[in-house]
N, C-alpha and C. Protein backbone atom coordinates (compact mmCIF):
# COMPACT_ATOMS: atom_id res chain seq x y z
N MET A 1 4.38 -28.87 22.83
CA MET A 1 4.75 -28.51 21.49
C MET A 1 5.60 -27.30 21.48
N GLU A 2 6.61 -27.35 20.91
CA GLU A 2 7.70 -26.29 20.74
C GLU A 2 7.47 -25.52 19.42
N VAL A 3 7.16 -24.30 19.64
CA VAL A 3 7.06 -23.37 18.42
C VAL A 3 8.34 -22.66 18.08
N THR A 4 8.72 -22.71 16.84
CA THR A 4 9.88 -22.03 16.32
C THR A 4 9.48 -21.00 15.45
N ARG A 5 9.84 -19.70 15.65
CA ARG A 5 9.63 -18.50 14.76
C ARG A 5 10.87 -17.91 14.32
N THR A 6 11.12 -17.79 13.02
CA THR A 6 12.26 -17.32 12.42
C THR A 6 11.97 -16.10 11.59
N LYS A 7 12.78 -15.01 11.68
CA LYS A 7 12.62 -13.84 10.85
C LYS A 7 13.27 -14.22 9.57
N LEU A 8 12.58 -14.17 8.46
CA LEU A 8 13.22 -14.33 7.11
C LEU A 8 13.67 -12.90 6.50
N ALA A 9 12.82 -11.89 6.71
CA ALA A 9 13.22 -10.54 6.16
C ALA A 9 12.19 -9.58 7.10
N ASP A 10 12.33 -8.31 6.85
CA ASP A 10 11.58 -7.35 7.56
C ASP A 10 10.13 -7.73 7.28
N GLY A 11 9.39 -7.98 8.35
CA GLY A 11 7.95 -8.29 8.29
C GLY A 11 7.60 -9.65 7.75
N VAL A 12 8.68 -10.49 7.48
CA VAL A 12 8.41 -11.85 7.02
C VAL A 12 8.97 -12.87 8.02
N TYR A 13 8.02 -13.77 8.50
CA TYR A 13 8.42 -14.77 9.50
C TYR A 13 8.00 -16.09 9.12
N LEU A 14 8.85 -17.17 9.49
CA LEU A 14 8.44 -18.51 9.26
C LEU A 14 8.16 -19.06 10.69
N THR A 15 6.95 -19.53 10.84
CA THR A 15 6.53 -20.16 12.21
C THR A 15 6.31 -21.64 11.96
N TYR A 16 6.95 -22.53 12.79
CA TYR A 16 6.94 -23.97 12.66
C TYR A 16 6.27 -24.46 13.99
N LEU A 17 5.31 -25.18 13.76
CA LEU A 17 4.58 -25.81 14.94
C LEU A 17 4.54 -27.35 14.64
N PRO A 18 5.56 -28.07 15.15
CA PRO A 18 5.55 -29.46 14.99
C PRO A 18 4.42 -30.25 15.70
N ALA A 19 3.76 -31.28 15.09
CA ALA A 19 2.68 -31.99 15.64
C ALA A 19 2.81 -33.37 15.11
N ARG A 20 3.57 -34.17 15.74
CA ARG A 20 3.75 -35.61 15.12
C ARG A 20 2.53 -36.55 15.26
N LYS A 21 1.56 -36.10 16.09
CA LYS A 21 0.33 -37.05 16.16
C LYS A 21 -0.55 -37.01 14.81
N PHE A 22 -0.37 -36.09 13.96
CA PHE A 22 -1.19 -35.98 12.85
C PHE A 22 -0.54 -36.68 11.58
N LYS A 23 -1.45 -37.09 10.72
CA LYS A 23 -0.88 -37.67 9.38
C LYS A 23 -0.83 -36.63 8.25
N THR A 24 -1.33 -35.45 8.58
CA THR A 24 -1.17 -34.46 7.61
C THR A 24 -0.44 -33.19 8.09
N SER A 25 0.12 -32.59 7.17
CA SER A 25 0.83 -31.25 7.45
C SER A 25 0.09 -30.01 6.80
N LEU A 26 0.23 -28.90 7.42
CA LEU A 26 -0.24 -27.62 6.82
C LEU A 26 0.85 -26.66 6.72
N LEU A 27 0.74 -26.01 5.62
CA LEU A 27 1.76 -25.00 5.26
C LEU A 27 1.06 -23.70 4.99
N SER A 28 1.19 -22.58 5.59
CA SER A 28 0.45 -21.42 5.39
C SER A 28 1.31 -20.20 4.95
N ALA A 29 0.88 -19.38 4.04
CA ALA A 29 1.64 -18.24 3.75
C ALA A 29 0.69 -17.08 3.73
N GLN A 30 0.79 -16.11 4.67
CA GLN A 30 -0.09 -15.03 4.91
C GLN A 30 0.41 -13.68 4.74
N PHE A 31 -0.22 -12.77 4.21
CA PHE A 31 0.30 -11.37 4.16
C PHE A 31 -0.80 -10.61 5.01
N VAL A 32 -0.06 -9.81 5.94
CA VAL A 32 -0.99 -9.00 6.79
C VAL A 32 -0.87 -7.55 6.37
N THR A 33 -1.89 -6.88 6.13
CA THR A 33 -1.87 -5.48 5.64
C THR A 33 -3.03 -4.83 6.31
N PRO A 34 -2.80 -3.41 6.47
CA PRO A 34 -3.86 -2.63 7.08
C PRO A 34 -5.18 -2.63 6.07
N ILE A 35 -6.33 -2.59 6.69
CA ILE A 35 -7.54 -2.53 5.89
C ILE A 35 -7.60 -1.03 5.43
N THR A 36 -7.77 -0.87 4.12
CA THR A 36 -8.15 0.50 3.65
C THR A 36 -9.22 0.34 2.55
N LYS A 37 -9.96 1.44 2.40
CA LYS A 37 -11.07 1.36 1.47
C LYS A 37 -10.59 1.24 0.04
N GLU A 38 -9.43 1.89 -0.12
CA GLU A 38 -8.81 1.83 -1.57
C GLU A 38 -8.28 0.47 -1.97
N THR A 39 -7.94 -0.36 -0.96
CA THR A 39 -7.35 -1.67 -1.26
C THR A 39 -8.15 -2.83 -1.07
N ALA A 40 -9.29 -2.67 -0.44
CA ALA A 40 -10.15 -3.87 0.09
C ALA A 40 -10.59 -4.76 -1.08
N ALA A 41 -11.14 -4.13 -2.19
CA ALA A 41 -11.59 -4.95 -3.26
C ALA A 41 -10.41 -5.77 -3.93
N ALA A 42 -9.30 -4.97 -4.19
CA ALA A 42 -8.22 -5.77 -4.92
C ALA A 42 -7.65 -6.84 -3.97
N TYR A 43 -7.48 -6.67 -2.66
CA TYR A 43 -7.00 -7.70 -1.86
C TYR A 43 -8.00 -8.87 -1.66
N ALA A 44 -9.36 -8.58 -1.71
CA ALA A 44 -10.26 -9.69 -1.76
C ALA A 44 -10.24 -10.51 -2.96
N LEU A 45 -9.77 -9.99 -4.16
CA LEU A 45 -9.70 -10.62 -5.45
C LEU A 45 -8.41 -11.32 -5.62
N LEU A 46 -7.26 -10.69 -5.12
CA LEU A 46 -5.92 -11.13 -5.47
C LEU A 46 -5.52 -12.63 -5.22
N PRO A 47 -5.92 -13.24 -4.08
CA PRO A 47 -5.52 -14.66 -3.92
C PRO A 47 -6.30 -15.57 -4.83
N ALA A 48 -7.53 -15.26 -5.19
CA ALA A 48 -8.27 -16.08 -6.20
C ALA A 48 -7.70 -16.04 -7.47
N VAL A 49 -7.28 -14.89 -7.92
CA VAL A 49 -6.66 -14.69 -9.27
C VAL A 49 -5.34 -15.51 -9.23
N LEU A 50 -4.50 -15.28 -8.21
CA LEU A 50 -3.16 -15.97 -8.11
C LEU A 50 -3.39 -17.40 -8.16
N ARG A 51 -4.49 -17.95 -7.45
CA ARG A 51 -4.60 -19.48 -7.43
C ARG A 51 -4.98 -20.03 -8.78
N ARG A 52 -5.23 -19.28 -9.81
CA ARG A 52 -5.74 -19.75 -11.10
C ARG A 52 -4.48 -20.45 -11.87
N GLY A 53 -3.25 -20.11 -11.51
CA GLY A 53 -2.21 -20.79 -12.14
C GLY A 53 -0.78 -20.05 -12.05
N THR A 54 0.16 -20.80 -12.40
CA THR A 54 1.55 -20.23 -12.29
C THR A 54 2.25 -20.47 -13.70
N VAL A 55 3.45 -19.89 -13.73
CA VAL A 55 4.16 -20.15 -15.08
C VAL A 55 4.34 -21.68 -15.47
N THR A 56 4.69 -22.37 -14.49
CA THR A 56 4.91 -23.79 -14.67
C THR A 56 3.54 -24.59 -14.87
N TYR A 57 2.50 -24.25 -14.05
CA TYR A 57 1.20 -24.85 -14.22
C TYR A 57 0.13 -23.79 -14.49
N PRO A 58 0.01 -23.38 -15.78
CA PRO A 58 -0.66 -22.25 -16.21
C PRO A 58 -2.22 -22.22 -16.14
N ASP A 59 -2.80 -23.34 -15.71
CA ASP A 59 -4.24 -23.34 -15.51
C ASP A 59 -4.61 -24.20 -14.31
N MET A 60 -5.83 -24.18 -13.94
CA MET A 60 -6.26 -24.99 -12.75
C MET A 60 -6.12 -26.50 -13.01
N GLY A 61 -6.28 -26.91 -14.27
CA GLY A 61 -6.18 -28.39 -14.56
C GLY A 61 -4.84 -28.83 -14.34
N ALA A 62 -3.89 -28.11 -14.90
CA ALA A 62 -2.34 -28.45 -14.69
C ALA A 62 -1.96 -28.46 -13.21
N MET A 63 -2.56 -27.49 -12.49
CA MET A 63 -2.28 -27.35 -11.07
C MET A 63 -2.88 -28.54 -10.40
N ALA A 64 -4.07 -28.83 -10.61
CA ALA A 64 -4.71 -30.05 -10.03
C ALA A 64 -4.06 -31.29 -10.31
N THR A 65 -3.55 -31.54 -11.53
CA THR A 65 -2.77 -32.77 -11.88
C THR A 65 -1.57 -32.87 -10.92
N HIS A 66 -0.94 -31.80 -10.85
CA HIS A 66 0.37 -31.71 -10.13
C HIS A 66 0.09 -32.00 -8.57
N LEU A 67 -0.97 -31.46 -7.99
CA LEU A 67 -1.25 -31.64 -6.69
C LEU A 67 -1.77 -33.13 -6.46
N ASP A 68 -2.45 -33.74 -7.53
CA ASP A 68 -2.83 -35.11 -7.37
C ASP A 68 -1.59 -36.03 -7.29
N GLN A 69 -0.47 -35.66 -7.99
CA GLN A 69 0.70 -36.47 -8.01
C GLN A 69 1.42 -36.34 -6.66
N LEU A 70 0.99 -35.35 -5.89
CA LEU A 70 1.51 -35.16 -4.62
C LEU A 70 0.54 -35.57 -3.51
N TYR A 71 0.02 -36.84 -3.89
CA TYR A 71 -0.85 -37.56 -2.91
C TYR A 71 -2.11 -36.72 -2.54
N GLY A 72 -2.73 -35.92 -3.66
CA GLY A 72 -3.88 -35.18 -3.32
C GLY A 72 -3.72 -34.00 -2.35
N ALA A 73 -2.47 -33.29 -2.54
CA ALA A 73 -2.29 -32.12 -1.64
C ALA A 73 -3.36 -31.06 -2.18
N ARG A 74 -3.67 -30.18 -1.29
CA ARG A 74 -4.48 -28.98 -1.62
C ARG A 74 -3.88 -27.69 -1.30
N ILE A 75 -4.26 -26.70 -2.06
CA ILE A 75 -3.95 -25.35 -1.69
C ILE A 75 -5.19 -24.46 -1.96
N ASP A 76 -5.59 -23.91 -0.87
CA ASP A 76 -6.64 -23.03 -0.83
C ASP A 76 -6.21 -21.63 -0.44
N TYR A 77 -7.03 -20.73 -0.96
CA TYR A 77 -6.72 -19.29 -0.62
C TYR A 77 -7.48 -18.88 0.71
N THR A 78 -6.95 -17.96 1.41
CA THR A 78 -7.67 -17.50 2.69
C THR A 78 -7.72 -15.82 2.61
N ILE A 79 -8.79 -15.42 3.06
CA ILE A 79 -8.97 -13.97 3.37
C ILE A 79 -9.66 -13.82 4.64
N ARG A 80 -9.10 -13.15 5.54
CA ARG A 80 -9.74 -12.96 6.82
C ARG A 80 -9.35 -11.58 7.46
N LYS A 81 -10.20 -11.19 8.23
CA LYS A 81 -9.94 -9.87 9.14
C LYS A 81 -9.34 -10.19 10.47
N LYS A 82 -8.41 -9.50 10.84
CA LYS A 82 -7.86 -9.65 12.22
C LYS A 82 -7.64 -8.28 12.75
N GLY A 83 -8.49 -7.89 13.68
CA GLY A 83 -8.50 -6.47 14.12
C GLY A 83 -8.67 -5.49 12.98
N GLU A 84 -7.75 -4.66 12.75
CA GLU A 84 -7.80 -3.70 11.71
C GLU A 84 -6.94 -3.99 10.47
N ASN A 85 -6.62 -5.24 10.45
CA ASN A 85 -5.80 -5.79 9.35
C ASN A 85 -6.48 -6.83 8.63
N LYS A 86 -6.12 -7.00 7.36
CA LYS A 86 -6.58 -8.01 6.53
C LYS A 86 -5.49 -9.00 6.19
N CYS A 87 -5.77 -10.25 6.39
CA CYS A 87 -4.80 -11.42 6.27
C CYS A 87 -5.23 -12.09 5.00
N ILE A 88 -4.27 -12.13 3.95
CA ILE A 88 -4.61 -12.76 2.71
C ILE A 88 -3.47 -13.67 2.48
N GLY A 89 -3.81 -14.78 1.85
CA GLY A 89 -2.69 -15.85 1.48
C GLY A 89 -3.33 -17.06 1.12
N PHE A 90 -2.43 -18.10 1.43
CA PHE A 90 -2.71 -19.52 1.03
C PHE A 90 -2.42 -20.58 2.15
N VAL A 91 -3.25 -21.54 2.11
CA VAL A 91 -2.86 -22.74 3.07
C VAL A 91 -2.88 -23.92 2.27
N ALA A 92 -1.83 -24.77 2.40
CA ALA A 92 -1.61 -25.97 1.71
C ALA A 92 -1.79 -27.16 2.76
N SER A 93 -2.45 -28.14 2.36
CA SER A 93 -2.68 -29.29 3.19
C SER A 93 -2.15 -30.49 2.39
N LEU A 94 -1.30 -31.37 3.05
CA LEU A 94 -0.63 -32.50 2.44
C LEU A 94 -0.42 -33.58 3.54
N ILE A 95 -0.32 -34.74 2.94
CA ILE A 95 0.06 -35.86 3.94
C ILE A 95 1.44 -35.69 4.40
N ASP A 96 1.67 -36.11 5.48
CA ASP A 96 3.16 -36.12 6.07
C ASP A 96 3.99 -37.03 5.20
N ASP A 97 5.25 -36.48 5.06
CA ASP A 97 6.28 -37.18 4.20
C ASP A 97 6.25 -38.82 4.66
N SER A 98 6.17 -38.91 5.96
CA SER A 98 6.39 -40.34 6.40
C SER A 98 5.34 -41.33 5.93
N TYR A 99 4.30 -40.79 5.34
CA TYR A 99 3.07 -41.68 4.75
C TYR A 99 3.17 -41.76 3.42
N ALA A 100 4.14 -41.21 2.70
CA ALA A 100 4.25 -41.35 1.28
C ALA A 100 4.69 -42.86 0.98
N LEU A 101 4.07 -43.45 -0.02
CA LEU A 101 4.39 -44.82 -0.16
C LEU A 101 5.76 -45.11 -0.61
N GLY A 102 6.27 -44.33 -1.54
CA GLY A 102 7.70 -44.41 -1.98
C GLY A 102 8.67 -43.58 -1.28
N GLY A 103 8.33 -43.05 -0.15
CA GLY A 103 9.17 -42.27 0.66
C GLY A 103 9.52 -40.84 0.11
N GLU A 104 8.71 -40.45 -0.87
CA GLU A 104 8.89 -39.25 -1.47
C GLU A 104 8.73 -38.05 -0.43
N LYS A 105 9.53 -37.00 -0.80
CA LYS A 105 9.40 -35.63 0.14
C LYS A 105 8.21 -35.00 -0.56
N LEU A 106 7.25 -34.57 0.17
CA LEU A 106 6.10 -33.93 -0.32
C LEU A 106 6.11 -32.37 0.17
N LEU A 107 6.71 -32.10 1.30
CA LEU A 107 6.66 -30.73 1.77
C LEU A 107 7.31 -29.80 0.89
N GLU A 108 8.50 -30.20 0.38
CA GLU A 108 9.37 -29.27 -0.43
C GLU A 108 8.63 -28.85 -1.78
N PRO A 109 7.95 -29.88 -2.57
CA PRO A 109 7.38 -29.59 -3.80
C PRO A 109 6.07 -28.75 -3.50
N VAL A 110 5.44 -29.00 -2.51
CA VAL A 110 4.24 -28.21 -2.12
C VAL A 110 4.60 -26.77 -1.74
N ALA A 111 5.62 -26.66 -0.92
CA ALA A 111 6.15 -25.33 -0.61
C ALA A 111 6.65 -24.48 -1.86
N ALA A 112 7.09 -25.24 -2.72
CA ALA A 112 7.74 -24.57 -4.03
C ALA A 112 6.49 -24.14 -4.90
N LEU A 113 5.49 -25.00 -4.89
CA LEU A 113 4.22 -24.54 -5.69
C LEU A 113 3.48 -23.25 -4.94
N LEU A 114 3.52 -23.31 -3.65
CA LEU A 114 3.01 -22.16 -2.85
C LEU A 114 3.89 -20.85 -3.24
N GLY A 115 5.16 -21.02 -3.19
CA GLY A 115 6.00 -19.90 -3.66
C GLY A 115 5.83 -19.51 -5.02
N GLU A 116 5.52 -20.38 -5.91
CA GLU A 116 5.29 -20.00 -7.31
C GLU A 116 3.93 -19.29 -7.52
N LEU A 117 2.93 -19.81 -6.73
CA LEU A 117 1.65 -19.08 -6.83
C LEU A 117 1.93 -17.68 -6.38
N ILE A 118 2.75 -17.29 -5.49
CA ILE A 118 2.89 -15.88 -5.03
C ILE A 118 3.75 -15.17 -5.80
N CYS A 119 4.88 -15.84 -6.19
CA CYS A 119 5.99 -15.02 -6.83
C CYS A 119 6.03 -15.11 -8.40
N ASP A 120 5.35 -16.16 -8.83
CA ASP A 120 5.49 -16.41 -10.39
C ASP A 120 4.17 -16.79 -10.98
N PRO A 121 3.12 -15.94 -10.82
CA PRO A 121 1.77 -16.36 -11.27
C PRO A 121 1.71 -16.31 -12.85
N VAL A 122 0.79 -17.05 -13.49
CA VAL A 122 0.68 -16.94 -14.86
C VAL A 122 0.26 -15.64 -15.26
N THR A 123 0.74 -15.00 -16.33
CA THR A 123 0.36 -13.70 -16.73
C THR A 123 0.28 -13.69 -18.22
N LYS A 124 -0.22 -12.50 -18.78
CA LYS A 124 -0.36 -12.30 -20.11
C LYS A 124 0.16 -10.86 -20.49
N HIS A 125 1.23 -10.72 -21.18
CA HIS A 125 1.81 -9.44 -21.41
C HIS A 125 2.06 -8.66 -20.14
N GLY A 126 2.63 -9.43 -18.99
CA GLY A 126 2.86 -8.77 -17.82
C GLY A 126 1.76 -8.33 -16.82
N ARG A 127 0.57 -8.81 -17.19
CA ARG A 127 -0.54 -8.62 -16.36
C ARG A 127 -1.26 -9.92 -16.09
N PHE A 128 -2.22 -10.04 -15.06
CA PHE A 128 -3.05 -11.22 -14.83
C PHE A 128 -3.78 -11.60 -16.15
N VAL A 129 -3.96 -12.82 -16.40
CA VAL A 129 -4.73 -13.39 -17.52
C VAL A 129 -6.22 -12.75 -17.39
N PRO A 130 -6.65 -11.84 -18.44
CA PRO A 130 -7.87 -11.18 -18.36
C PRO A 130 -9.07 -12.12 -18.02
N ALA A 131 -9.08 -13.25 -18.64
CA ALA A 131 -10.10 -14.26 -18.41
C ALA A 131 -10.20 -14.70 -16.92
N TYR A 132 -9.09 -14.99 -16.44
CA TYR A 132 -9.01 -15.28 -15.06
C TYR A 132 -9.47 -14.30 -14.12
N PHE A 133 -8.98 -13.08 -14.38
CA PHE A 133 -9.45 -11.91 -13.56
C PHE A 133 -10.91 -11.62 -13.70
N GLU A 134 -11.55 -11.66 -14.86
CA GLU A 134 -12.94 -11.50 -14.88
C GLU A 134 -13.75 -12.58 -14.33
N SER A 135 -13.29 -13.77 -14.53
CA SER A 135 -14.00 -14.99 -13.84
C SER A 135 -14.01 -14.87 -12.34
N GLU A 136 -12.88 -14.57 -11.77
CA GLU A 136 -12.81 -14.49 -10.35
C GLU A 136 -13.47 -13.23 -9.82
N LYS A 137 -13.64 -12.15 -10.53
CA LYS A 137 -14.30 -11.00 -10.29
C LYS A 137 -15.84 -11.26 -10.16
N THR A 138 -16.34 -12.01 -11.11
CA THR A 138 -17.68 -12.46 -11.16
C THR A 138 -18.03 -13.39 -10.02
N ASN A 139 -17.09 -14.40 -9.70
CA ASN A 139 -17.35 -15.30 -8.50
C ASN A 139 -17.29 -14.54 -7.27
N LEU A 140 -16.49 -13.45 -7.10
CA LEU A 140 -16.51 -12.68 -5.89
C LEU A 140 -17.79 -11.87 -5.74
N ILE A 141 -18.24 -11.25 -6.82
CA ILE A 141 -19.49 -10.51 -6.68
C ILE A 141 -20.60 -11.38 -6.44
N ASP A 142 -20.79 -12.73 -7.08
CA ASP A 142 -21.76 -13.60 -6.76
C ASP A 142 -21.73 -14.09 -5.31
N ALA A 143 -20.49 -14.37 -4.73
CA ALA A 143 -20.35 -14.72 -3.31
C ALA A 143 -20.83 -13.62 -2.37
N ILE A 144 -20.52 -12.45 -2.75
CA ILE A 144 -20.95 -11.26 -1.75
C ILE A 144 -22.47 -11.20 -1.79
N ARG A 145 -23.11 -11.27 -3.01
CA ARG A 145 -24.45 -11.14 -3.11
C ARG A 145 -25.24 -12.27 -2.46
N ALA A 146 -24.67 -13.43 -2.53
CA ALA A 146 -25.30 -14.68 -1.80
C ALA A 146 -25.18 -14.52 -0.31
N GLU A 147 -24.03 -13.95 0.13
CA GLU A 147 -23.88 -13.76 1.58
C GLU A 147 -24.81 -12.71 2.08
N HIS A 148 -24.83 -11.62 1.31
CA HIS A 148 -25.70 -10.60 1.71
C HIS A 148 -27.23 -11.00 1.76
N LYS A 149 -27.57 -11.76 0.75
CA LYS A 149 -28.97 -12.21 0.74
C LYS A 149 -29.30 -13.18 1.96
N ASP A 150 -28.28 -14.10 2.21
CA ASP A 150 -28.43 -15.02 3.32
C ASP A 150 -28.56 -14.20 4.81
N LEU A 151 -27.58 -13.29 4.89
CA LEU A 151 -27.62 -12.47 6.09
C LEU A 151 -28.94 -11.72 6.22
N TRP A 152 -29.44 -11.00 5.16
CA TRP A 152 -30.58 -10.22 5.14
C TRP A 152 -31.76 -11.09 5.55
N MET A 153 -31.91 -12.28 4.94
CA MET A 153 -32.99 -13.17 5.18
C MET A 153 -32.90 -13.61 6.67
N TYR A 154 -31.78 -13.96 7.24
CA TYR A 154 -31.66 -14.37 8.58
C TYR A 154 -32.05 -13.30 9.61
N ARG A 155 -31.51 -12.14 9.32
CA ARG A 155 -31.84 -11.03 10.21
C ARG A 155 -33.37 -10.75 10.27
N ASN A 156 -33.88 -10.78 9.07
CA ASN A 156 -35.37 -10.52 9.08
C ASN A 156 -36.27 -11.70 9.66
N PHE A 157 -35.73 -12.85 9.46
CA PHE A 157 -36.48 -13.93 10.06
C PHE A 157 -36.36 -13.85 11.50
N GLU A 158 -35.36 -13.47 12.14
CA GLU A 158 -35.31 -13.28 13.65
C GLU A 158 -36.48 -12.36 14.04
N ASN A 159 -36.96 -11.49 13.26
CA ASN A 159 -38.21 -10.67 13.61
C ASN A 159 -39.47 -11.33 13.34
N GLY A 160 -39.49 -12.47 12.89
CA GLY A 160 -40.68 -13.33 12.70
C GLY A 160 -41.12 -13.46 11.24
N PHE A 161 -40.50 -12.63 10.41
CA PHE A 161 -40.82 -12.88 8.93
C PHE A 161 -39.66 -12.49 8.05
N ALA A 162 -39.73 -12.72 6.79
CA ALA A 162 -38.74 -12.28 5.81
C ALA A 162 -39.55 -11.88 4.63
N ILE A 163 -38.95 -10.86 3.80
CA ILE A 163 -39.56 -10.56 2.58
C ILE A 163 -38.40 -10.93 1.60
N TYR A 164 -38.85 -11.85 0.66
CA TYR A 164 -37.90 -12.30 -0.34
C TYR A 164 -38.48 -12.16 -1.71
N ASP A 165 -37.93 -11.35 -2.66
CA ASP A 165 -38.52 -11.10 -3.89
C ASP A 165 -39.90 -10.72 -3.84
N ASN A 166 -40.31 -9.74 -2.95
CA ASN A 166 -41.59 -9.22 -2.77
C ASN A 166 -42.62 -10.20 -2.16
N HIS A 167 -42.14 -11.30 -1.67
CA HIS A 167 -43.07 -12.32 -1.05
C HIS A 167 -42.78 -12.25 0.48
N MET A 168 -43.89 -12.15 1.33
CA MET A 168 -43.70 -12.20 2.84
C MET A 168 -43.66 -13.69 3.13
N ILE A 169 -42.69 -14.01 3.88
CA ILE A 169 -42.55 -15.45 4.38
C ILE A 169 -42.44 -15.38 5.84
N ARG A 170 -43.38 -16.24 6.49
CA ARG A 170 -43.47 -16.21 8.01
C ARG A 170 -42.71 -17.34 8.70
N ARG A 171 -42.50 -18.47 8.13
CA ARG A 171 -41.80 -19.45 8.84
C ARG A 171 -40.53 -19.98 8.15
N LYS A 172 -39.66 -20.49 8.94
CA LYS A 172 -38.42 -20.97 8.45
C LYS A 172 -38.52 -22.09 7.32
N ALA A 173 -39.64 -22.87 7.46
CA ALA A 173 -39.83 -23.90 6.49
C ALA A 173 -40.27 -23.33 5.13
N GLU A 174 -41.06 -22.15 5.24
CA GLU A 174 -41.47 -21.42 4.05
C GLU A 174 -40.25 -20.78 3.39
N ILE A 175 -39.29 -20.26 4.10
CA ILE A 175 -38.07 -19.76 3.54
C ILE A 175 -37.37 -20.81 2.77
N ALA A 176 -37.14 -21.87 3.40
CA ALA A 176 -36.30 -23.01 2.76
C ALA A 176 -37.12 -23.45 1.45
N ALA A 177 -38.39 -23.57 1.54
CA ALA A 177 -39.15 -24.06 0.40
C ALA A 177 -39.12 -23.02 -0.78
N PHE A 178 -39.16 -21.71 -0.41
CA PHE A 178 -39.20 -20.68 -1.33
C PHE A 178 -37.83 -20.61 -2.13
N VAL A 179 -36.73 -20.60 -1.31
CA VAL A 179 -35.42 -20.43 -1.87
C VAL A 179 -35.14 -21.69 -2.71
N SER A 180 -35.45 -22.86 -2.37
CA SER A 180 -35.04 -24.12 -3.17
C SER A 180 -35.94 -24.19 -4.31
N ALA A 181 -37.16 -23.44 -4.46
CA ALA A 181 -37.98 -23.39 -5.56
C ALA A 181 -37.45 -22.55 -6.66
N GLU A 182 -36.46 -21.71 -6.39
CA GLU A 182 -36.02 -20.77 -7.40
C GLU A 182 -35.35 -21.38 -8.46
């Protein structure tokens, strides 16, 4: 497989990895930035807020309808740590153009939507839509709490017990039963 990497601007590269054996294509846009205490929360929230809508597709329903018209293409956001850097961005998954029934080009409109998510998000008075921001902030807090609870229970279970809401639980089956009873 021949990899092509093209510099688009300072710090911006396009990497192309052709793989003819798959029926789907992936398109990814990632921003790599140093991890700092001051920006960690904002960067964790940013892609989720951006994914809520664009000027052309101002809500998730309109965006989902458009992606359905593109043979069920998907765009998900990503956040990951790589060394001392944080990588944030989007990954689009779509069927390869050669499998479109009418011979439509799919990569271009998906790439355009990906660009619009990044460069032309839906806003209200020049700022993110407050309802979208608050909703995604709540989702992020809930996800962090759930992950923390799961990790805490797992670590304690390794020691042979867990304490969950002031109840001592000694076996894995008891943990599963206790959590599902909530």
